[in-house]
N, C-alpha and C. Protein backbone atom coordinates (compact mmCIF):
# COMPACT_ATOMS: atom_id res chain seq x y z
N UNK A 1 -6.09 -51.30 -2.69
CA UNK A 1 -5.12 -51.28 -3.76
C UNK A 1 -4.07 -50.24 -3.42
N UNK A 2 -2.83 -50.65 -3.50
CA UNK A 2 -1.73 -49.75 -3.18
C UNK A 2 -1.23 -49.07 -4.44
N UNK A 3 -0.82 -47.84 -4.26
CA UNK A 3 -0.22 -47.14 -5.38
C UNK A 3 1.28 -47.30 -5.30
N UNK A 4 1.88 -47.46 -6.44
CA UNK A 4 3.32 -47.64 -6.47
C UNK A 4 3.99 -46.30 -6.74
N UNK A 5 5.09 -46.10 -6.06
CA UNK A 5 5.87 -44.88 -6.28
C UNK A 5 6.80 -45.13 -7.45
N UNK A 6 6.86 -44.14 -8.28
CA UNK A 6 7.78 -44.25 -9.40
C UNK A 6 9.08 -43.58 -9.02
N UNK A 7 10.05 -43.76 -9.79
CA UNK A 7 11.36 -43.20 -9.51
C UNK A 7 11.43 -41.70 -9.79
N UNK A 8 10.44 -41.16 -10.47
CA UNK A 8 10.48 -39.74 -10.80
C UNK A 8 10.14 -38.91 -9.57
N UNK A 9 10.94 -37.90 -9.35
CA UNK A 9 10.71 -37.02 -8.19
C UNK A 9 10.05 -35.73 -8.67
N UNK A 10 9.20 -35.18 -7.80
CA UNK A 10 8.58 -33.90 -8.13
C UNK A 10 9.61 -32.79 -7.90
N UNK A 11 9.44 -31.67 -8.59
CA UNK A 11 10.40 -30.58 -8.41
C UNK A 11 10.33 -30.05 -6.98
N UNK A 12 11.45 -29.58 -6.47
CA UNK A 12 11.44 -29.09 -5.08
C UNK A 12 10.58 -27.83 -4.97
N UNK A 13 10.03 -27.63 -3.78
CA UNK A 13 9.20 -26.46 -3.53
C UNK A 13 10.09 -25.21 -3.54
N UNK A 14 9.56 -24.11 -4.04
CA UNK A 14 10.36 -22.88 -4.04
C UNK A 14 10.55 -22.38 -2.61
N UNK A 15 11.58 -21.59 -2.38
CA UNK A 15 11.78 -21.04 -1.02
C UNK A 15 10.57 -20.24 -0.58
N UNK A 16 10.32 -20.22 0.72
CA UNK A 16 9.14 -19.55 1.26
C UNK A 16 9.12 -18.08 0.90
N UNK A 17 10.27 -17.44 0.84
CA UNK A 17 10.31 -16.02 0.53
C UNK A 17 9.76 -15.74 -0.86
N UNK A 18 10.05 -16.61 -1.82
CA UNK A 18 9.55 -16.43 -3.17
C UNK A 18 8.04 -16.66 -3.22
N UNK A 19 7.56 -17.66 -2.51
CA UNK A 19 6.13 -17.95 -2.52
C UNK A 19 5.36 -16.82 -1.87
N UNK A 20 5.81 -16.36 -0.71
CA UNK A 20 5.12 -15.26 -0.04
C UNK A 20 5.11 -14.03 -0.91
N UNK A 21 6.23 -13.77 -1.58
CA UNK A 21 6.29 -12.59 -2.44
C UNK A 21 5.33 -12.72 -3.61
N UNK A 22 5.16 -13.93 -4.12
CA UNK A 22 4.27 -14.13 -5.26
C UNK A 22 2.81 -14.00 -4.86
N UNK A 23 2.48 -14.37 -3.64
CA UNK A 23 1.08 -14.38 -3.23
C UNK A 23 0.63 -13.09 -2.55
N UNK A 24 1.50 -12.51 -1.75
CA UNK A 24 1.06 -11.42 -0.90
C UNK A 24 1.68 -10.07 -1.21
N UNK A 25 2.81 -10.05 -1.82
CA UNK A 25 3.51 -8.80 -2.02
C UNK A 25 3.67 -8.51 -3.51
N UNK A 26 3.60 -7.26 -3.90
CA UNK A 26 3.83 -6.97 -5.32
C UNK A 26 5.26 -7.32 -5.70
N UNK A 27 5.44 -7.68 -6.96
CA UNK A 27 6.76 -8.11 -7.41
C UNK A 27 7.70 -6.95 -7.64
N UNK A 28 7.15 -5.75 -7.88
CA UNK A 28 8.02 -4.63 -8.15
C UNK A 28 8.65 -4.12 -6.86
N UNK A 29 9.77 -3.51 -7.00
CA UNK A 29 10.46 -2.94 -5.85
C UNK A 29 9.83 -1.59 -5.55
N UNK A 30 9.64 -1.31 -4.28
CA UNK A 30 9.01 -0.05 -3.90
C UNK A 30 9.92 1.11 -4.27
N UNK A 31 9.33 2.11 -4.92
CA UNK A 31 10.09 3.29 -5.28
C UNK A 31 10.23 4.17 -4.05
N UNK A 32 11.35 4.82 -3.93
CA UNK A 32 11.56 5.70 -2.80
C UNK A 32 10.80 7.00 -3.03
N UNK A 33 10.08 7.42 -2.02
CA UNK A 33 9.28 8.63 -2.11
C UNK A 33 10.12 9.79 -1.57
N UNK A 34 10.13 10.87 -2.31
CA UNK A 34 10.89 12.03 -1.87
C UNK A 34 10.22 12.62 -0.64
N UNK A 35 11.01 12.92 0.38
CA UNK A 35 10.46 13.52 1.59
C UNK A 35 10.44 15.03 1.42
N UNK A 36 9.30 15.61 1.77
CA UNK A 36 9.15 17.05 1.66
C UNK A 36 8.80 17.62 3.03
N UNK A 37 9.00 18.90 3.18
CA UNK A 37 8.69 19.55 4.45
C UNK A 37 7.18 19.66 4.61
N UNK A 38 6.70 19.83 5.83
CA UNK A 38 5.26 19.98 6.04
C UNK A 38 4.67 21.16 5.27
N UNK A 39 5.41 22.26 5.18
CA UNK A 39 4.91 23.42 4.43
C UNK A 39 4.75 23.12 2.95
N UNK A 40 5.73 22.41 2.36
CA UNK A 40 5.65 22.02 0.95
C UNK A 40 4.50 21.05 0.73
N UNK A 41 4.30 20.15 1.69
CA UNK A 41 3.20 19.19 1.58
C UNK A 41 1.85 19.93 1.54
N UNK A 42 1.66 20.90 2.44
CA UNK A 42 0.42 21.67 2.47
C UNK A 42 0.23 22.42 1.15
N UNK A 43 1.31 22.97 0.60
CA UNK A 43 1.21 23.68 -0.67
C UNK A 43 0.78 22.74 -1.78
N UNK A 44 1.35 21.54 -1.81
CA UNK A 44 0.98 20.55 -2.83
C UNK A 44 -0.48 20.13 -2.68
N UNK A 45 -0.93 19.98 -1.44
CA UNK A 45 -2.33 19.61 -1.21
C UNK A 45 -3.26 20.71 -1.73
N UNK A 46 -2.93 21.96 -1.47
CA UNK A 46 -3.76 23.07 -1.96
C UNK A 46 -3.80 23.10 -3.48
N UNK A 47 -2.65 22.83 -4.12
CA UNK A 47 -2.61 22.83 -5.59
C UNK A 47 -3.49 21.71 -6.14
N UNK A 48 -3.38 20.52 -5.57
CA UNK A 48 -4.17 19.38 -6.04
C UNK A 48 -5.66 19.59 -5.76
N UNK A 49 -5.99 20.19 -4.62
CA UNK A 49 -7.39 20.46 -4.28
C UNK A 49 -7.99 21.45 -5.28
N UNK A 50 -7.19 22.37 -5.76
CA UNK A 50 -7.67 23.32 -6.75
C UNK A 50 -8.01 22.67 -8.09
N UNK A 51 -7.45 21.51 -8.35
CA UNK A 51 -7.72 20.80 -9.61
C UNK A 51 -9.01 19.99 -9.58
N UNK A 52 -9.57 19.82 -8.38
CA UNK A 52 -10.76 18.99 -8.23
C UNK A 52 -11.98 19.74 -8.74
N UNK A 53 -12.86 19.01 -9.47
CA UNK A 53 -14.12 19.60 -9.92
C UNK A 53 -15.14 19.40 -8.81
N UNK A 54 -15.43 20.47 -8.09
CA UNK A 54 -16.40 20.40 -7.00
C UNK A 54 -17.80 20.61 -7.58
N UNK A 55 -18.78 19.79 -7.15
CA UNK A 55 -20.14 19.94 -7.69
C UNK A 55 -20.78 21.23 -7.20
N UNK A 56 -21.65 21.77 -8.03
CA UNK A 56 -22.39 22.98 -7.64
C UNK A 56 -23.49 22.58 -6.65
N UNK A 57 -24.08 23.58 -6.04
CA UNK A 57 -25.18 23.30 -5.10
C UNK A 57 -26.33 22.61 -5.82
N UNK A 58 -26.62 23.04 -7.05
CA UNK A 58 -27.71 22.45 -7.83
C UNK A 58 -27.44 20.97 -8.09
N UNK A 59 -26.19 20.63 -8.47
CA UNK A 59 -25.84 19.23 -8.72
C UNK A 59 -25.95 18.41 -7.43
N UNK A 60 -25.52 18.97 -6.32
CA UNK A 60 -25.58 18.26 -5.04
C UNK A 60 -27.02 17.99 -4.63
N UNK A 61 -27.88 18.99 -4.77
CA UNK A 61 -29.30 18.82 -4.41
C UNK A 61 -29.95 17.78 -5.33
N UNK A 62 -29.67 17.86 -6.63
CA UNK A 62 -30.26 16.90 -7.58
C UNK A 62 -29.82 15.48 -7.25
N UNK A 63 -28.54 15.32 -6.94
CA UNK A 63 -28.04 13.99 -6.59
C UNK A 63 -28.68 13.48 -5.30
N UNK A 64 -28.82 14.36 -4.32
CA UNK A 64 -29.46 13.97 -3.06
C UNK A 64 -30.90 13.55 -3.26
N UNK A 65 -31.63 14.27 -4.10
CA UNK A 65 -33.02 13.91 -4.39
C UNK A 65 -33.10 12.56 -5.09
N UNK A 66 -32.19 12.32 -6.03
CA UNK A 66 -32.17 11.02 -6.71
C UNK A 66 -31.89 9.89 -5.73
N UNK A 67 -31.01 10.11 -4.79
CA UNK A 67 -30.69 9.08 -3.79
C UNK A 67 -31.92 8.79 -2.94
N UNK A 68 -32.62 9.83 -2.52
CA UNK A 68 -33.83 9.63 -1.70
C UNK A 68 -34.90 8.87 -2.49
N UNK A 69 -35.11 9.25 -3.75
CA UNK A 69 -36.12 8.57 -4.58
C UNK A 69 -35.76 7.09 -4.77
N UNK A 70 -34.50 6.81 -5.09
CA UNK A 70 -34.10 5.41 -5.29
C UNK A 70 -34.21 4.62 -4.00
N UNK A 71 -33.89 5.24 -2.87
CA UNK A 71 -34.01 4.56 -1.58
C UNK A 71 -35.47 4.20 -1.30
N UNK A 72 -36.38 5.13 -1.57
CA UNK A 72 -37.81 4.86 -1.37
C UNK A 72 -38.31 3.77 -2.31
N UNK A 73 -37.89 3.82 -3.57
CA UNK A 73 -38.31 2.77 -4.52
C UNK A 73 -37.83 1.39 -4.08
N UNK A 74 -36.59 1.32 -3.66
CA UNK A 74 -36.06 0.03 -3.20
C UNK A 74 -36.75 -0.42 -1.91
N UNK A 75 -37.06 0.52 -1.02
CA UNK A 75 -37.77 0.16 0.21
C UNK A 75 -39.13 -0.45 -0.11
N UNK A 76 -39.89 0.19 -1.03
CA UNK A 76 -41.20 -0.35 -1.41
C UNK A 76 -41.06 -1.70 -2.11
N UNK A 77 -40.05 -1.83 -2.96
CA UNK A 77 -39.83 -3.10 -3.65
C UNK A 77 -39.56 -4.22 -2.65
N UNK A 78 -38.62 -3.99 -1.73
CA UNK A 78 -38.28 -5.05 -0.78
C UNK A 78 -39.42 -5.30 0.21
N UNK A 79 -40.22 -4.27 0.51
CA UNK A 79 -41.40 -4.48 1.34
C UNK A 79 -42.37 -5.42 0.62
N UNK A 80 -42.57 -5.20 -0.68
CA UNK A 80 -43.46 -6.06 -1.46
C UNK A 80 -42.94 -7.49 -1.55
N UNK A 81 -41.66 -7.65 -1.80
CA UNK A 81 -41.08 -8.99 -1.88
C UNK A 81 -41.21 -9.69 -0.53
N UNK A 82 -40.94 -8.97 0.56
CA UNK A 82 -41.05 -9.55 1.89
C UNK A 82 -42.49 -9.94 2.20
N UNK A 83 -43.43 -9.08 1.85
CA UNK A 83 -44.84 -9.39 2.09
C UNK A 83 -45.27 -10.60 1.29
N UNK A 84 -44.82 -10.71 0.04
CA UNK A 84 -45.15 -11.86 -0.80
C UNK A 84 -44.63 -13.15 -0.19
N UNK A 85 -43.35 -13.17 0.18
CA UNK A 85 -42.79 -14.39 0.75
C UNK A 85 -43.40 -14.71 2.10
N UNK A 86 -43.74 -13.69 2.87
CA UNK A 86 -44.39 -13.92 4.15
C UNK A 86 -45.74 -14.60 3.95
N UNK A 87 -46.49 -14.15 2.95
CA UNK A 87 -47.79 -14.75 2.65
C UNK A 87 -47.63 -16.19 2.19
N UNK A 88 -46.65 -16.43 1.34
CA UNK A 88 -46.41 -17.79 0.84
C UNK A 88 -46.03 -18.72 1.99
N UNK A 89 -45.14 -18.26 2.87
CA UNK A 89 -44.71 -19.11 3.99
C UNK A 89 -45.89 -19.37 4.93
N UNK A 90 -46.68 -18.37 5.23
CA UNK A 90 -47.85 -18.57 6.10
C UNK A 90 -48.83 -19.57 5.48
N UNK A 91 -49.03 -19.48 4.18
CA UNK A 91 -49.92 -20.41 3.50
C UNK A 91 -49.37 -21.84 3.59
N UNK A 92 -48.08 -21.99 3.30
CA UNK A 92 -47.48 -23.32 3.36
C UNK A 92 -47.52 -23.89 4.79
N UNK A 93 -47.29 -23.05 5.79
CA UNK A 93 -47.35 -23.53 7.18
C UNK A 93 -48.79 -23.89 7.57
N UNK A 94 -49.77 -23.20 7.01
CA UNK A 94 -51.16 -23.52 7.34
C UNK A 94 -51.55 -24.87 6.76
N UNK A 95 -50.90 -25.29 5.68
CA UNK A 95 -51.20 -26.61 5.12
C UNK A 95 -50.70 -27.73 6.03
N UNK A 96 -49.66 -27.48 6.79
CA UNK A 96 -49.10 -28.50 7.67
C UNK A 96 -49.92 -28.69 8.93
N UNK A 97 -50.51 -27.66 9.42
CA UNK A 97 -51.12 -27.85 10.72
C UNK A 97 -52.36 -27.14 10.92
């Protein structure tokens, strides 16, 4: 069965530049960044670094211990899941042969 073409035309495709801009590039125009000297840049970095809340040694140790505990729990969990599926697969294969 053939399809008939109607007289209505589809709208023309937008120019490639508009499509690329819509898909890959942000629509806003890039703002110009003020250029500063290397010395001023280092000063700004030091000021911003001073605003950062650095964790205490106690917080760092507590976080590290929590990471180790969670890693061990997940290791045992995945070991158990793996052992379970290994047993199931071995059982199913033993039924075949």
